Amino acid sequence: MNATITITDGDRCVDYTLAVACDLLPGAAGRRGWLDGGHPGEAPVVEINRVRCLEMALWCGKYAVSAFPAADDRQSLEVQIGAWCLEKYPEEIEQAVLETVLAWHDAQRDADDD
């Protein structure tokens, strides 16, 4: 599964737009009888496989300057900057991807109910 998210670093005034390849582990509903061998269930999680940086925006007040790592004719830096973002912001990326994927699944389920 693929998701496009934006991570904001407020201290640096930079937004990173990332393309994330991931797998969704949907979790499991709880079962009754916790003391009799039941199970409390597990929350859904995502496994991040690969991150590419599509755009970086540096904010100067209300204006932003954008950079596109793939635009360099000599070498595309999407993968290197994406890996750096995954190392620097792993929790933020995982949370944003999980929210995006779960919202998409909810929308699909609602569309199927109609």
C-alpha atoms as a PDB file:
ATOM      1  CA  MET A   1       0.000   0.000   0.000  1.00  0.00           C
ATOM      2  CA  ASN A   2       1.189   3.527  -0.745  1.00  0.00           C
ATOM      3  CA  ALA A   3       0.373   6.774   1.016  1.00  0.00           C
ATOM      4  CA  THR A   4       1.414  10.387   0.513  1.00  0.00           C
ATOM      5  CA  ILE A   5       1.839  12.370   3.722  1.00  0.00           C
ATOM      6  CA  THR A   6       3.312  15.661   4.875  1.00  0.00           C
ATOM      7  CA  ILE A   7       5.525  15.915   7.946  1.00  0.00           C
ATOM      8  CA  THR A   8       6.112  19.369   9.454  1.00  0.00           C
ATOM      9  CA  ASP A   9       9.232  20.246  11.430  1.00  0.00           C
ATOM     10  CA  GLY A  10       8.177  23.401  13.241  1.00  0.00           C
ATOM     11  CA  ASP A  11      11.636  24.053  14.691  1.00  0.00           C
ATOM     12  CA  ARG A  12      13.216  24.129  11.231  1.00  0.00           C
ATOM     13  CA  CYS A  13      10.140  25.592   9.472  1.00  0.00           C
ATOM     14  CA  VAL A  14      10.268  22.799   6.888  1.00  0.00           C
ATOM     15  CA  ASP A  15       7.513  20.593   5.449  1.00  0.00           C
ATOM     16  CA  TYR A  16       8.433  17.250   3.887  1.00  0.00           C
ATOM     17  CA  THR A  17       5.962  15.658   1.474  1.00  0.00           C
ATOM     18  CA  LEU A  18       6.705  11.937   1.494  1.00  0.00           C
ATOM     19  CA  ALA A  19       5.600   8.945  -0.564  1.00  0.00           C
ATOM     20  CA  VAL A  20       5.482   5.988   1.800  1.00  0.00           C
ATOM     21  CA  ALA A  21       5.265   2.306   0.817  1.00  0.00           C
ATOM     22  CA  CYS A  22       3.846   0.337   3.722  1.00  0.00           C
ATOM     23  CA  ASP A  23       1.893  -2.707   4.839  1.00  0.00           C
ATOM     24  CA  LEU A  24      -1.150  -2.454   7.097  1.00  0.00           C
ATOM     25  CA  LEU A  25      -1.491  -4.955   9.916  1.00  0.00           C
ATOM     26  CA  PRO A  26      -5.188  -4.547  10.746  1.00  0.00           C
ATOM     27  CA  GLY A  27      -5.016  -5.750  14.336  1.00  0.00           C
ATOM     28  CA  ALA A  28      -7.488  -8.080  15.996  1.00  0.00           C
ATOM     29  CA  ALA A  29     -10.682  -7.620  17.949  1.00  0.00           C
ATOM     30  CA  GLY A  30     -10.678  -8.620  21.582  1.00  0.00           C
ATOM     31  CA  ARG A  31     -12.132 -11.919  22.678  1.00  0.00           C
ATOM     32  CA  ARG A  32     -14.143 -12.496  25.816  1.00  0.00           C
ATOM     33  CA  GLY A  33     -12.815 -14.407  28.753  1.00  0.00           C
ATOM     34  CA  TRP A  34      -9.496 -12.671  29.422  1.00  0.00           C
ATOM     35  CA  LEU A  35      -8.973 -14.779  32.538  1.00  0.00           C
ATOM     36  CA  ASP A  36     -10.070 -17.920  30.676  1.00  0.00           C
ATOM     37  CA  GLY A  37      -7.619 -17.612  27.827  1.00  0.00           C
ATOM     38  CA  GLY A  38      -9.293 -14.710  26.045  1.00  0.00           C
ATOM     39  CA  HIS A  39      -7.322 -11.963  24.357  1.00  0.00           C
ATOM     40  CA  PRO A  40      -7.563  -8.161  24.724  1.00  0.00           C
ATOM     41  CA  GLY A  41      -7.031  -7.608  20.998  1.00  0.00           C
ATOM     42  CA  GLU A  42      -4.411  -5.625  19.145  1.00  0.00           C
ATOM     43  CA  ALA A  43      -4.476  -2.183  17.574  1.00  0.00           C
ATOM     44  CA  PRO A  44      -3.793  -1.768  13.861  1.00  0.00           C
ATOM     45  CA  VAL A  45      -0.241  -0.787  12.910  1.00  0.00           C
ATOM     46  CA  VAL A  46       1.698  -0.078   9.740  1.00  0.00           C
ATOM     47  CA  GLU A  47       5.062  -1.425   8.667  1.00  0.00           C
ATOM     48  CA  ILE A  48       7.016   1.194   6.735  1.00  0.00           C
ATOM     49  CA  ASN A  49       8.895  -0.397   3.830  1.00  0.00           C
ATOM     50  CA  ARG A  50      10.243   2.588   1.926  1.00  0.00           C
ATOM     51  CA  VAL A  51      10.037   6.383   2.047  1.00  0.00           C
ATOM     52  CA  ARG A  52      10.723   8.816  -0.790  1.00  0.00           C
ATOM     53  CA  CYS A  53      10.781  12.587  -0.362  1.00  0.00           C
ATOM     54  CA  LEU A  54       8.690  14.225  -3.104  1.00  0.00           C
ATOM     55  CA  GLU A  55       8.959  17.840  -1.963  1.00  0.00           C
ATOM     56  CA  MET A  56      10.519  19.977   0.733  1.00  0.00           C
ATOM     57  CA  ALA A  57       9.099  23.408   1.556  1.00  0.00           C
ATOM     58  CA  LEU A  58      11.076  25.906   3.614  1.00  0.00           C
ATOM     59  CA  TRP A  59       8.785  28.457   5.254  1.00  0.00           C
ATOM     60  CA  CYS A  60       9.832  32.101   5.569  1.00  0.00           C
ATOM     61  CA  GLY A  61       6.910  33.720   7.380  1.00  0.00           C
ATOM     62  CA  LYS A  62       3.821  33.173   5.239  1.00  0.00           C
ATOM     63  CA  TYR A  63       5.859  32.304   2.118  1.00  0.00           C
ATOM     64  CA  ALA A  64       7.487  28.996   1.236  1.00  0.00           C
ATOM     65  CA  VAL A  65      10.279  27.981  -1.095  1.00  0.00           C
ATOM     66  CA  SER A  66       9.943  24.460  -2.516  1.00  0.00           C
ATOM     67  CA  ALA A  67      12.575  21.979  -3.587  1.00  0.00           C
ATOM     68  CA  PHE A  68      11.892  18.798  -5.531  1.00  0.00           C
ATOM     69  CA  PRO A  69      14.588  16.153  -4.872  1.00  0.00           C
ATOM     70  CA  ALA A  70      13.765  14.267  -8.096  1.00  0.00           C
ATOM     71  CA  ALA A  71      14.388  17.370 -10.232  1.00  0.00           C
ATOM     72  CA  ASP A  72      18.190  17.143 -10.076  1.00  0.00           C
ATOM     73  CA  ASP A  73      19.456  16.011 -13.485  1.00  0.00           C
ATOM     74  CA  ARG A  74      22.582  14.409 -12.019  1.00  0.00           C
ATOM     75  CA  GLN A  75      21.090  12.395  -9.177  1.00  0.00           C
ATOM     76  CA  SER A  76      17.617  11.976  -7.725  1.00  0.00           C
ATOM     77  CA  LEU A  77      17.751  12.463  -3.975  1.00  0.00           C
ATOM     78  CA  GLU A  78      14.214  11.213  -3.235  1.00  0.00           C
ATOM     79  CA  VAL A  79      15.384   7.970  -1.654  1.00  0.00           C
ATOM     80  CA  GLN A  80      18.279   9.431   0.361  1.00  0.00           C
ATOM     81  CA  ILE A  81      16.204  12.279   1.809  1.00  0.00           C
ATOM     82  CA  GLY A  82      13.301   9.883   2.409  1.00  0.00           C
ATOM     83  CA  ALA A  83      15.588   7.544   4.365  1.00  0.00           C
ATOM     84  CA  TRP A  84      16.864  10.497   6.392  1.00  0.00           C
ATOM     85  CA  CYS A  85      13.265  11.558   7.170  1.00  0.00           C
ATOM     86  CA  LEU A  86      12.407   7.998   8.251  1.00  0.00           C
ATOM     87  CA  GLU A  87      15.397   7.997  10.595  1.00  0.00           C
ATOM     88  CA  LYS A  88      14.641  11.477  11.982  1.00  0.00           C
ATOM     89  CA  TYR A  89      10.814  11.304  12.218  1.00  0.00           C
ATOM     90  CA  PRO A  90       9.817   7.602  12.505  1.00  0.00           C
ATOM     91  CA  GLU A  91       6.920   8.075  14.954  1.00  0.00           C
ATOM     92  CA  GLU A  92       5.445  11.018  13.052  1.00  0.00           C
ATOM     93  CA  ILE A  93       5.600   9.133   9.751  1.00  0.00           C
ATOM     94  CA  GLU A  94       4.038   5.988  11.213  1.00  0.00           C
ATOM     95  CA  GLN A  95       1.216   7.944  12.870  1.00  0.00           C
ATOM     96  CA  ALA A  96       0.443  10.002   9.745  1.00  0.00           C
ATOM     97  CA  VAL A  97       0.439   6.910   7.516  1.00  0.00           C
ATOM     98  CA  LEU A  98      -1.757   4.969   9.947  1.00  0.00           C
ATOM     99  CA  GLU A  99      -4.280   7.814  10.103  1.00  0.00           C
ATOM    100  CA  THR A 100      -4.304   8.120   6.294  1.00  0.00           C
ATOM    101  CA  VAL A 101      -4.697   4.380   5.707  1.00  0.00           C
ATOM    102  CA  LEU A 102      -7.415   3.942   8.345  1.00  0.00           C
ATOM    103  CA  ALA A 103      -9.352   6.923   6.948  1.00  0.00           C
ATOM    104  CA  TRP A 104      -9.114   5.394   3.471  1.00  0.00           C
ATOM    105  CA  HIS A 105     -10.352   2.016   4.762  1.00  0.00           C
ATOM    106  CA  ASP A 106     -13.258   3.698   6.578  1.00  0.00           C
ATOM    107  CA  ALA A 107     -14.209   5.583   3.405  1.00  0.00           C
ATOM    108  CA  GLN A 108     -14.082   2.340   1.391  1.00  0.00           C
ATOM    109  CA  ARG A 109     -16.253   0.569   3.957  1.00  0.00           C
ATOM    110  CA  ASP A 110     -18.778   3.448   3.911  1.00  0.00           C
ATOM    111  CA  ALA A 111     -18.850   3.362   0.092  1.00  0.00           C
ATOM    112  CA  ASP A 112     -19.473  -0.397   0.153  1.00  0.00           C
ATOM    113  CA  ASP A 113     -22.388   0.083   2.579  1.00  0.00           C
ATOM    114  CA  ASP A 114     -24.129   2.493   0.181  1.00  0.00           C
END
